[in-house]
Amino acid sequence: MRLKAKIMDGAGITRALRRIAYEIIERNSDLSAVALVGVRTRGVPLAKRLAAFIGEVAGETVAVGILDITLYRDDLGVVNEHPIINSSEIPFGVIGKTVIIVDDVLFTGRTVRAAIDAVMEYGRPDKIQLAVLIDRGHRELPVRADYTGKNAPTAKTEKITVNLTETDGFDGAELYGADSE
């Protein structure tokens, strides 16, 4: 696959996350009842950054958890015969909370469905919301993000790669496509 476009640079990612943090503050009057849950891998640092921005703006600490959805995927056998399973780390109760699932790219909606199932294993939150850095369309399930950093319409055959300093050494998002496109 070849690079077709740079979607976001580091400054763009920071701006998008700051805007999402402001939107979370505006839509949730009781931030003590809000918890962010990052979907492994890149949703985790995004959730931590969002929590830091919310803390800067609102002066409140928002709980952050880590969610591994591997066992909740509906395509587990198709993706990998021997999946690597990491643990989820939810160091807070979800009952009575607004849990905001954080992920890097929203595509078919299947990851979100798996994340909702995983969160529900911890109890029944009052609300579950979704924050994504990039929404690329092509839903297969009736899912939409409550908070979106950037809409990036793509062809189904294209791929978006998000890089974050915490996992990749730099921030950026790029669109890749087949050489023949």
N, C-alpha and C. Protein backbone atom coordinates (compact mmCIF):
# COMPACT_ATOMS: atom_id res chain seq x y z
N MET A 1 0.85 -1.18 0.00
CA MET A 1 0.00 0.00 0.00
C MET A 1 0.89 1.24 0.00
N ARG A 2 0.41 2.25 -0.67
CA ARG A 2 1.20 3.49 -0.74
C ARG A 2 0.50 4.61 0.03
N LEU A 3 1.30 5.55 0.50
CA LEU A 3 0.78 6.71 1.21
C LEU A 3 0.00 7.58 0.23
N LYS A 4 -1.26 7.85 0.55
CA LYS A 4 -2.09 8.69 -0.32
C LYS A 4 -2.26 10.09 0.25
N ALA A 5 -2.31 10.20 1.59
CA ALA A 5 -2.50 11.52 2.19
C ALA A 5 -2.13 11.50 3.66
N LYS A 6 -1.64 12.64 4.12
CA LYS A 6 -1.45 12.83 5.56
C LYS A 6 -2.74 13.46 6.08
N ILE A 7 -3.38 12.78 6.99
CA ILE A 7 -4.68 13.23 7.49
C ILE A 7 -4.52 14.22 8.63
N MET A 8 -3.63 13.90 9.57
CA MET A 8 -3.39 14.78 10.73
C MET A 8 -1.92 14.72 11.10
N ASP A 9 -1.39 15.86 11.54
CA ASP A 9 -0.06 15.87 12.11
C ASP A 9 -0.22 15.96 13.63
N GLY A 10 0.88 16.08 14.33
CA GLY A 10 0.83 16.13 15.80
C GLY A 10 -0.01 17.28 16.32
N ALA A 11 0.15 18.45 15.71
CA ALA A 11 -0.63 19.61 16.15
C ALA A 11 -2.13 19.39 15.90
N GLY A 12 -2.46 18.75 14.79
CA GLY A 12 -3.86 18.46 14.48
C GLY A 12 -4.47 17.49 15.47
N ILE A 13 -3.70 16.48 15.86
CA ILE A 13 -4.19 15.52 16.86
C ILE A 13 -4.43 16.22 18.19
N THR A 14 -3.49 17.06 18.59
CA THR A 14 -3.65 17.80 19.85
C THR A 14 -4.87 18.70 19.80
N ARG A 15 -5.06 19.43 18.71
CA ARG A 15 -6.25 20.31 18.58
C ARG A 15 -7.53 19.50 18.67
N ALA A 16 -7.58 18.38 17.96
CA ALA A 16 -8.78 17.53 17.96
C ALA A 16 -9.08 17.02 19.37
N LEU A 17 -8.05 16.57 20.08
CA LEU A 17 -8.26 16.06 21.43
C LEU A 17 -8.68 17.15 22.40
N ARG A 18 -8.11 18.34 22.25
CA ARG A 18 -8.54 19.47 23.11
C ARG A 18 -10.01 19.80 22.86
N ARG A 19 -10.41 19.80 21.59
CA ARG A 19 -11.82 20.09 21.26
C ARG A 19 -12.73 19.02 21.84
N ILE A 20 -12.34 17.77 21.71
CA ILE A 20 -13.14 16.69 22.27
C ILE A 20 -13.24 16.84 23.79
N ALA A 21 -12.14 17.21 24.44
CA ALA A 21 -12.16 17.40 25.90
C ALA A 21 -13.17 18.49 26.28
N TYR A 22 -13.18 19.59 25.54
CA TYR A 22 -14.16 20.65 25.81
C TYR A 22 -15.59 20.14 25.61
N GLU A 23 -15.81 19.35 24.56
CA GLU A 23 -17.14 18.81 24.30
C GLU A 23 -17.58 17.86 25.41
N ILE A 24 -16.66 17.06 25.91
CA ILE A 24 -16.99 16.15 27.02
C ILE A 24 -17.39 16.96 28.25
N ILE A 25 -16.65 18.01 28.54
CA ILE A 25 -16.96 18.88 29.69
C ILE A 25 -18.34 19.51 29.52
N GLU A 26 -18.64 20.00 28.31
CA GLU A 26 -19.93 20.66 28.05
C GLU A 26 -21.11 19.69 28.17
N ARG A 27 -20.94 18.45 27.71
CA ARG A 27 -22.06 17.50 27.69
C ARG A 27 -22.25 16.72 28.98
N ASN A 28 -21.28 16.79 29.88
CA ASN A 28 -21.34 16.01 31.11
C ASN A 28 -21.14 16.94 32.30
N SER A 29 -22.24 17.34 32.91
CA SER A 29 -22.17 18.33 33.99
C SER A 29 -21.47 17.81 35.23
N ASP A 30 -21.53 16.51 35.49
CA ASP A 30 -20.87 15.94 36.66
C ASP A 30 -19.67 15.11 36.21
N LEU A 31 -18.52 15.74 36.13
CA LEU A 31 -17.32 15.05 35.65
C LEU A 31 -16.83 13.98 36.62
N SER A 32 -17.27 14.05 37.88
CA SER A 32 -16.87 12.99 38.83
C SER A 32 -17.53 11.66 38.48
N ALA A 33 -18.58 11.71 37.65
CA ALA A 33 -19.28 10.49 37.23
C ALA A 33 -18.83 10.03 35.84
N VAL A 34 -17.77 10.66 35.30
CA VAL A 34 -17.27 10.32 33.97
C VAL A 34 -15.99 9.51 34.11
N ALA A 35 -15.89 8.46 33.30
CA ALA A 35 -14.66 7.66 33.23
C ALA A 35 -14.34 7.41 31.77
N LEU A 36 -13.07 7.50 31.43
CA LEU A 36 -12.61 7.24 30.08
C LEU A 36 -12.00 5.84 30.03
N VAL A 37 -12.36 5.09 28.99
CA VAL A 37 -11.82 3.74 28.84
C VAL A 37 -11.21 3.67 27.44
N GLY A 38 -9.89 3.53 27.39
CA GLY A 38 -9.19 3.45 26.11
C GLY A 38 -9.14 2.03 25.61
N VAL A 39 -9.47 1.85 24.33
CA VAL A 39 -9.38 0.53 23.70
C VAL A 39 -7.92 0.30 23.30
N ARG A 40 -7.36 -0.83 23.76
CA ARG A 40 -5.98 -1.15 23.38
C ARG A 40 -5.86 -1.19 21.88
N THR A 41 -4.91 -0.65 21.25
CA THR A 41 -3.68 -0.14 21.77
C THR A 41 -3.73 1.39 21.80
N ARG A 42 -4.10 2.03 20.71
CA ARG A 42 -3.95 3.48 20.64
C ARG A 42 -5.06 4.26 21.33
N GLY A 43 -6.14 3.61 21.68
CA GLY A 43 -7.18 4.29 22.46
C GLY A 43 -6.72 4.62 23.86
N VAL A 44 -5.76 3.86 24.37
CA VAL A 44 -5.27 4.08 25.74
C VAL A 44 -4.54 5.42 25.88
N PRO A 45 -3.51 5.69 25.07
CA PRO A 45 -2.88 7.01 25.21
C PRO A 45 -3.82 8.16 24.86
N LEU A 46 -4.75 7.94 23.93
CA LEU A 46 -5.73 8.99 23.61
C LEU A 46 -6.60 9.28 24.83
N ALA A 47 -7.03 8.25 25.53
CA ALA A 47 -7.85 8.44 26.74
C ALA A 47 -7.07 9.18 27.81
N LYS A 48 -5.80 8.83 27.97
CA LYS A 48 -4.96 9.50 28.97
C LYS A 48 -4.76 10.98 28.62
N ARG A 49 -4.57 11.27 27.34
CA ARG A 49 -4.41 12.66 26.92
C ARG A 49 -5.70 13.44 27.15
N LEU A 50 -6.84 12.81 26.80
CA LEU A 50 -8.12 13.48 27.03
C LEU A 50 -8.32 13.78 28.51
N ALA A 51 -8.00 12.83 29.37
CA ALA A 51 -8.14 13.04 30.82
C ALA A 51 -7.26 14.21 31.27
N ALA A 52 -6.05 14.30 30.73
CA ALA A 52 -5.15 15.40 31.09
C ALA A 52 -5.73 16.74 30.64
N PHE A 53 -6.27 16.80 29.42
CA PHE A 53 -6.86 18.04 28.93
C PHE A 53 -8.09 18.43 29.75
N ILE A 54 -8.92 17.45 30.10
CA ILE A 54 -10.09 17.73 30.93
C ILE A 54 -9.64 18.27 32.28
N GLY A 55 -8.60 17.67 32.84
CA GLY A 55 -8.05 18.15 34.11
C GLY A 55 -7.54 19.58 34.03
N GLU A 56 -6.87 19.90 32.92
CA GLU A 56 -6.36 21.27 32.73
C GLU A 56 -7.49 22.28 32.66
N VAL A 57 -8.53 21.95 31.91
CA VAL A 57 -9.61 22.89 31.66
C VAL A 57 -10.59 22.98 32.83
N ALA A 58 -11.02 21.82 33.32
CA ALA A 58 -12.07 21.78 34.34
C ALA A 58 -11.52 21.65 35.76
N GLY A 59 -10.25 21.32 35.89
CA GLY A 59 -9.67 21.17 37.21
C GLY A 59 -10.15 19.93 37.94
N GLU A 60 -10.66 18.96 37.21
CA GLU A 60 -11.14 17.71 37.83
C GLU A 60 -10.40 16.53 37.24
N THR A 61 -10.18 15.55 38.09
CA THR A 61 -9.54 14.32 37.64
C THR A 61 -10.60 13.36 37.12
N VAL A 62 -10.38 12.85 35.93
CA VAL A 62 -11.29 11.87 35.33
C VAL A 62 -10.59 10.52 35.33
N ALA A 63 -11.28 9.49 35.81
CA ALA A 63 -10.70 8.16 35.87
C ALA A 63 -10.45 7.63 34.45
N VAL A 64 -9.35 6.87 34.30
CA VAL A 64 -9.00 6.28 33.02
C VAL A 64 -8.77 4.79 33.20
N GLY A 65 -9.36 4.01 32.29
CA GLY A 65 -9.16 2.57 32.30
C GLY A 65 -8.66 2.09 30.95
N ILE A 66 -8.24 0.83 30.92
CA ILE A 66 -7.72 0.20 29.71
C ILE A 66 -8.60 -1.00 29.39
N LEU A 67 -9.02 -1.08 28.15
CA LEU A 67 -9.92 -2.14 27.73
C LEU A 67 -9.29 -2.98 26.63
N ASP A 68 -9.20 -4.29 26.86
CA ASP A 68 -8.77 -5.21 25.82
C ASP A 68 -10.02 -5.93 25.33
N ILE A 69 -10.33 -5.77 24.06
CA ILE A 69 -11.58 -6.33 23.51
C ILE A 69 -11.36 -7.63 22.76
N THR A 70 -10.16 -8.17 22.79
CA THR A 70 -9.81 -9.34 21.98
C THR A 70 -10.85 -10.46 22.08
N LEU A 71 -11.22 -10.83 23.29
CA LEU A 71 -12.14 -11.95 23.48
C LEU A 71 -13.58 -11.62 23.13
N TYR A 72 -13.88 -10.36 22.89
CA TYR A 72 -15.25 -9.93 22.58
C TYR A 72 -15.48 -9.71 21.09
N ARG A 73 -14.42 -9.87 20.29
CA ARG A 73 -14.53 -9.65 18.84
C ARG A 73 -15.39 -10.73 18.21
N ASP A 74 -16.18 -10.36 17.22
CA ASP A 74 -16.99 -11.35 16.52
C ASP A 74 -16.23 -12.01 15.36
N ASP A 75 -15.00 -11.53 15.12
CA ASP A 75 -14.18 -12.10 14.05
C ASP A 75 -12.89 -12.69 14.59
N LEU A 76 -12.91 -13.12 15.85
CA LEU A 76 -11.70 -13.56 16.53
C LEU A 76 -10.95 -14.64 15.75
N GLY A 77 -11.64 -15.68 15.30
CA GLY A 77 -10.99 -16.76 14.56
C GLY A 77 -10.51 -16.35 13.19
N VAL A 78 -11.15 -15.35 12.60
CA VAL A 78 -10.78 -14.87 11.27
C VAL A 78 -9.52 -14.02 11.33
N VAL A 79 -9.43 -13.17 12.35
CA VAL A 79 -8.31 -12.24 12.47
C VAL A 79 -7.02 -12.97 12.82
N ASN A 80 -7.07 -13.89 13.79
CA ASN A 80 -5.86 -14.56 14.23
C ASN A 80 -6.24 -15.87 14.92
N GLU A 81 -5.63 -16.94 14.49
CA GLU A 81 -5.93 -18.24 15.10
C GLU A 81 -5.45 -18.30 16.54
N HIS A 82 -4.37 -17.58 16.87
CA HIS A 82 -3.81 -17.55 18.23
C HIS A 82 -3.68 -16.08 18.67
N PRO A 83 -4.80 -15.46 19.08
CA PRO A 83 -4.74 -14.05 19.42
C PRO A 83 -3.93 -13.77 20.68
N ILE A 84 -3.32 -12.61 20.72
CA ILE A 84 -2.61 -12.16 21.91
C ILE A 84 -3.63 -11.45 22.78
N ILE A 85 -3.77 -11.93 24.00
CA ILE A 85 -4.77 -11.37 24.89
C ILE A 85 -4.05 -10.62 26.00
N ASN A 86 -4.35 -9.35 26.13
CA ASN A 86 -3.83 -8.53 27.21
C ASN A 86 -4.95 -8.32 28.21
N SER A 87 -4.60 -7.87 29.37
CA SER A 87 -5.64 -7.68 30.37
C SER A 87 -6.26 -6.30 30.26
N SER A 88 -7.50 -6.22 30.66
CA SER A 88 -8.15 -4.93 30.82
C SER A 88 -7.84 -4.44 32.23
N GLU A 89 -7.78 -3.13 32.37
CA GLU A 89 -7.52 -2.54 33.69
C GLU A 89 -8.56 -1.45 33.92
N ILE A 90 -9.61 -1.81 34.64
CA ILE A 90 -10.67 -0.85 34.97
C ILE A 90 -10.63 -0.68 36.50
N PRO A 91 -9.85 0.29 36.98
CA PRO A 91 -9.65 0.43 38.43
C PRO A 91 -10.75 1.24 39.13
N PHE A 92 -11.95 1.20 38.59
CA PHE A 92 -13.07 1.94 39.16
C PHE A 92 -14.35 1.18 38.83
N GLY A 93 -15.39 1.43 39.60
CA GLY A 93 -16.68 0.84 39.30
C GLY A 93 -17.35 1.59 38.16
N VAL A 94 -18.03 0.89 37.29
CA VAL A 94 -18.71 1.55 36.17
C VAL A 94 -20.18 1.83 36.48
N ILE A 95 -20.72 1.18 37.48
CA ILE A 95 -22.13 1.38 37.82
C ILE A 95 -22.32 2.83 38.25
N GLY A 96 -23.31 3.49 37.63
CA GLY A 96 -23.58 4.89 37.94
C GLY A 96 -22.70 5.88 37.21
N LYS A 97 -21.81 5.42 36.37
CA LYS A 97 -20.89 6.29 35.65
C LYS A 97 -21.33 6.51 34.21
N THR A 98 -20.80 7.56 33.62
CA THR A 98 -20.82 7.73 32.17
C THR A 98 -19.46 7.25 31.69
N VAL A 99 -19.45 6.13 31.01
CA VAL A 99 -18.20 5.56 30.52
C VAL A 99 -18.03 6.00 29.07
N ILE A 100 -16.91 6.64 28.79
CA ILE A 100 -16.62 7.09 27.44
C ILE A 100 -15.54 6.17 26.87
N ILE A 101 -15.93 5.39 25.88
CA ILE A 101 -14.98 4.51 25.19
C ILE A 101 -14.18 5.37 24.22
N VAL A 102 -12.87 5.24 24.25
CA VAL A 102 -11.98 6.05 23.42
C VAL A 102 -11.20 5.13 22.48
N ASP A 103 -11.22 5.46 21.19
CA ASP A 103 -10.47 4.67 20.21
C ASP A 103 -9.89 5.60 19.15
N ASP A 104 -8.96 5.08 18.36
CA ASP A 104 -8.32 5.93 17.37
C ASP A 104 -9.15 6.09 16.10
N VAL A 105 -9.63 4.98 15.51
CA VAL A 105 -10.36 5.04 14.24
C VAL A 105 -11.68 4.29 14.37
N LEU A 106 -12.75 4.92 13.94
CA LEU A 106 -14.06 4.27 13.85
C LEU A 106 -14.29 3.89 12.40
N PHE A 107 -14.54 2.60 12.17
CA PHE A 107 -14.70 2.07 10.81
C PHE A 107 -16.04 1.33 10.75
N THR A 108 -16.06 0.04 10.91
CA THR A 108 -17.28 -0.75 10.75
C THR A 108 -18.20 -0.67 11.96
N GLY A 109 -17.65 -0.38 13.12
CA GLY A 109 -18.44 -0.35 14.36
C GLY A 109 -18.29 -1.62 15.17
N ARG A 110 -17.62 -2.61 14.62
CA ARG A 110 -17.48 -3.89 15.32
C ARG A 110 -16.59 -3.80 16.55
N THR A 111 -15.55 -3.00 16.51
CA THR A 111 -14.71 -2.80 17.69
C THR A 111 -15.52 -2.14 18.80
N VAL A 112 -16.35 -1.19 18.44
CA VAL A 112 -17.18 -0.50 19.44
C VAL A 112 -18.17 -1.48 20.07
N ARG A 113 -18.78 -2.33 19.25
CA ARG A 113 -19.71 -3.33 19.80
C ARG A 113 -18.98 -4.22 20.80
N ALA A 114 -17.78 -4.66 20.46
CA ALA A 114 -16.99 -5.49 21.35
C ALA A 114 -16.62 -4.73 22.63
N ALA A 115 -16.28 -3.46 22.48
CA ALA A 115 -15.93 -2.65 23.65
C ALA A 115 -17.12 -2.47 24.59
N ILE A 116 -18.30 -2.27 24.03
CA ILE A 116 -19.50 -2.15 24.86
C ILE A 116 -19.74 -3.45 25.63
N ASP A 117 -19.62 -4.58 24.95
CA ASP A 117 -19.77 -5.88 25.61
C ASP A 117 -18.76 -6.02 26.74
N ALA A 118 -17.52 -5.63 26.50
CA ALA A 118 -16.47 -5.74 27.52
C ALA A 118 -16.77 -4.84 28.72
N VAL A 119 -17.20 -3.61 28.47
CA VAL A 119 -17.54 -2.70 29.57
C VAL A 119 -18.67 -3.27 30.41
N MET A 120 -19.67 -3.85 29.76
CA MET A 120 -20.83 -4.39 30.47
C MET A 120 -20.46 -5.55 31.40
N GLU A 121 -19.33 -6.20 31.15
CA GLU A 121 -18.85 -7.25 32.06
C GLU A 121 -18.51 -6.68 33.43
N TYR A 122 -18.24 -5.38 33.50
CA TYR A 122 -17.88 -4.72 34.76
C TYR A 122 -19.09 -4.15 35.49
N GLY A 123 -20.25 -4.21 34.89
CA GLY A 123 -21.46 -3.66 35.48
C GLY A 123 -22.18 -2.81 34.44
N ARG A 124 -23.29 -2.23 34.88
CA ARG A 124 -24.12 -1.44 33.96
C ARG A 124 -23.94 0.05 34.23
N PRO A 125 -23.20 0.74 33.35
CA PRO A 125 -23.04 2.19 33.53
C PRO A 125 -24.36 2.92 33.24
N ASP A 126 -24.47 4.14 33.72
CA ASP A 126 -25.64 4.95 33.38
C ASP A 126 -25.68 5.24 31.89
N LYS A 127 -24.51 5.57 31.32
CA LYS A 127 -24.40 5.87 29.89
C LYS A 127 -23.07 5.33 29.38
N ILE A 128 -23.07 5.02 28.11
CA ILE A 128 -21.81 4.74 27.41
C ILE A 128 -21.77 5.69 26.22
N GLN A 129 -20.68 6.44 26.13
CA GLN A 129 -20.46 7.35 25.01
C GLN A 129 -19.21 6.89 24.26
N LEU A 130 -19.02 7.43 23.05
CA LEU A 130 -17.89 7.04 22.22
C LEU A 130 -17.14 8.27 21.74
N ALA A 131 -15.82 8.26 21.93
CA ALA A 131 -14.95 9.32 21.42
C ALA A 131 -13.91 8.67 20.50
N VAL A 132 -13.80 9.19 19.28
CA VAL A 132 -12.82 8.66 18.33
C VAL A 132 -12.01 9.81 17.74
N LEU A 133 -10.76 9.52 17.45
CA LEU A 133 -9.92 10.53 16.81
C LEU A 133 -10.36 10.73 15.37
N ILE A 134 -10.60 9.61 14.65
CA ILE A 134 -10.96 9.69 13.23
C ILE A 134 -12.14 8.78 12.94
N ASP A 135 -13.14 9.30 12.24
CA ASP A 135 -14.27 8.50 11.77
C ASP A 135 -14.12 8.38 10.26
N ARG A 136 -13.95 7.15 9.78
CA ARG A 136 -13.73 6.96 8.35
C ARG A 136 -14.95 6.41 7.61
N GLY A 137 -16.07 6.20 8.31
CA GLY A 137 -17.28 5.73 7.65
C GLY A 137 -17.29 4.22 7.45
N HIS A 138 -18.20 3.76 6.60
CA HIS A 138 -18.36 2.34 6.23
C HIS A 138 -18.89 1.48 7.37
N ARG A 139 -19.87 1.97 8.10
CA ARG A 139 -20.44 1.22 9.21
C ARG A 139 -21.12 -0.06 8.77
N GLU A 140 -20.93 -1.11 9.53
CA GLU A 140 -21.64 -2.38 9.37
C GLU A 140 -22.64 -2.58 10.50
N LEU A 141 -22.49 -1.79 11.54
CA LEU A 141 -23.39 -1.82 12.70
C LEU A 141 -23.88 -0.40 12.95
N PRO A 142 -25.05 -0.27 13.59
CA PRO A 142 -25.61 1.07 13.82
C PRO A 142 -24.90 1.78 14.98
N VAL A 143 -23.71 2.29 14.70
CA VAL A 143 -22.87 2.94 15.70
C VAL A 143 -22.48 4.31 15.19
N ARG A 144 -22.48 5.29 16.09
CA ARG A 144 -21.96 6.61 15.74
C ARG A 144 -21.22 7.17 16.94
N ALA A 145 -20.22 7.98 16.67
CA ALA A 145 -19.43 8.56 17.75
C ALA A 145 -20.13 9.78 18.33
N ASP A 146 -20.02 9.94 19.64
CA ASP A 146 -20.52 11.14 20.31
C ASP A 146 -19.53 12.29 20.15
N TYR A 147 -18.24 11.93 20.06
CA TYR A 147 -17.17 12.92 19.94
C TYR A 147 -16.22 12.44 18.84
N THR A 148 -15.99 13.29 17.85
CA THR A 148 -15.13 12.92 16.72
C THR A 148 -14.10 14.01 16.49
N GLY A 149 -12.85 13.60 16.39
CA GLY A 149 -11.78 14.56 16.11
C GLY A 149 -11.79 15.00 14.67
N LYS A 150 -11.97 14.04 13.74
CA LYS A 150 -11.96 14.36 12.31
C LYS A 150 -12.74 13.31 11.55
N ASN A 151 -13.55 13.73 10.62
CA ASN A 151 -14.19 12.82 9.67
C ASN A 151 -13.29 12.72 8.45
N ALA A 152 -12.97 11.49 8.06
CA ALA A 152 -12.09 11.27 6.92
C ALA A 152 -12.71 10.20 6.04
N PRO A 153 -13.59 10.60 5.11
CA PRO A 153 -14.20 9.61 4.22
C PRO A 153 -13.13 8.85 3.44
N THR A 154 -13.29 7.54 3.36
CA THR A 154 -12.32 6.70 2.69
C THR A 154 -13.02 5.68 1.81
N ALA A 155 -12.26 5.04 0.95
CA ALA A 155 -12.75 3.86 0.25
C ALA A 155 -12.57 2.68 1.20
N LYS A 156 -13.40 1.66 1.05
CA LYS A 156 -13.29 0.49 1.93
C LYS A 156 -11.92 -0.18 1.84
N THR A 157 -11.29 -0.08 0.69
CA THR A 157 -10.01 -0.74 0.48
C THR A 157 -8.83 0.06 1.06
N GLU A 158 -9.07 1.29 1.43
CA GLU A 158 -8.01 2.12 2.00
C GLU A 158 -7.84 1.81 3.49
N LYS A 159 -6.73 2.29 4.03
CA LYS A 159 -6.42 2.07 5.43
C LYS A 159 -5.93 3.36 6.06
N ILE A 160 -6.37 3.61 7.28
CA ILE A 160 -5.86 4.76 8.03
C ILE A 160 -4.96 4.24 9.13
N THR A 161 -3.78 4.82 9.22
CA THR A 161 -2.84 4.46 10.27
C THR A 161 -2.66 5.67 11.19
N VAL A 162 -2.87 5.45 12.48
CA VAL A 162 -2.66 6.49 13.49
C VAL A 162 -1.39 6.14 14.24
N ASN A 163 -0.51 7.10 14.35
CA ASN A 163 0.72 6.94 15.13
C ASN A 163 0.67 7.91 16.30
N LEU A 164 1.05 7.43 17.46
CA LEU A 164 1.09 8.26 18.66
C LEU A 164 2.46 8.15 19.31
N THR A 165 2.90 9.23 19.90
CA THR A 165 4.22 9.26 20.53
C THR A 165 4.39 8.11 21.51
N GLU A 166 3.35 7.83 22.29
CA GLU A 166 3.44 6.80 23.33
C GLU A 166 3.66 5.40 22.76
N THR A 167 3.16 5.13 21.57
CA THR A 167 3.26 3.78 20.99
C THR A 167 4.21 3.71 19.79
N ASP A 168 4.39 4.84 19.10
CA ASP A 168 5.13 4.83 17.83
C ASP A 168 6.27 5.82 17.75
N GLY A 169 6.40 6.68 18.75
CA GLY A 169 7.49 7.65 18.75
C GLY A 169 7.17 8.99 18.12
N PHE A 170 6.00 9.11 17.47
CA PHE A 170 5.59 10.39 16.88
C PHE A 170 4.08 10.39 16.69
N ASP A 171 3.52 11.58 16.51
CA ASP A 171 2.09 11.74 16.29
C ASP A 171 1.80 12.01 14.82
N GLY A 172 0.78 11.34 14.29
CA GLY A 172 0.34 11.59 12.93
C GLY A 172 -0.68 10.56 12.50
N ALA A 173 -1.44 10.89 11.49
CA ALA A 173 -2.41 9.95 10.91
C ALA A 173 -2.31 10.05 9.40
N GLU A 174 -2.26 8.88 8.76
CA GLU A 174 -2.06 8.83 7.32
C GLU A 174 -3.05 7.88 6.67
N LEU A 175 -3.36 8.17 5.41
CA LEU A 175 -4.24 7.34 4.60
C LEU A 175 -3.40 6.58 3.59
N TYR A 176 -3.63 5.27 3.52
CA TYR A 176 -2.91 4.41 2.58
C TYR A 176 -3.90 3.74 1.65
N GLY A 177 -3.47 3.51 0.40
CA GLY A 177 -4.29 2.83 -0.57
C GLY A 177 -3.44 1.93 -1.44
N ALA A 178 -4.09 1.07 -2.18
CA ALA A 178 -3.39 0.16 -3.08
C ALA A 178 -2.68 0.96 -4.16
N ASP A 179 -1.60 0.42 -4.67
CA ASP A 179 -0.82 1.10 -5.71
C ASP A 179 -1.65 1.36 -6.97
N SER A 180 -2.63 0.52 -7.25
CA SER A 180 -3.42 0.66 -8.48
C SER A 180 -4.58 1.65 -8.34
N GLU A 181 -4.79 2.17 -7.12
CA GLU A 181 -5.92 3.11 -6.95
C GLU A 181 -5.55 4.49 -7.42
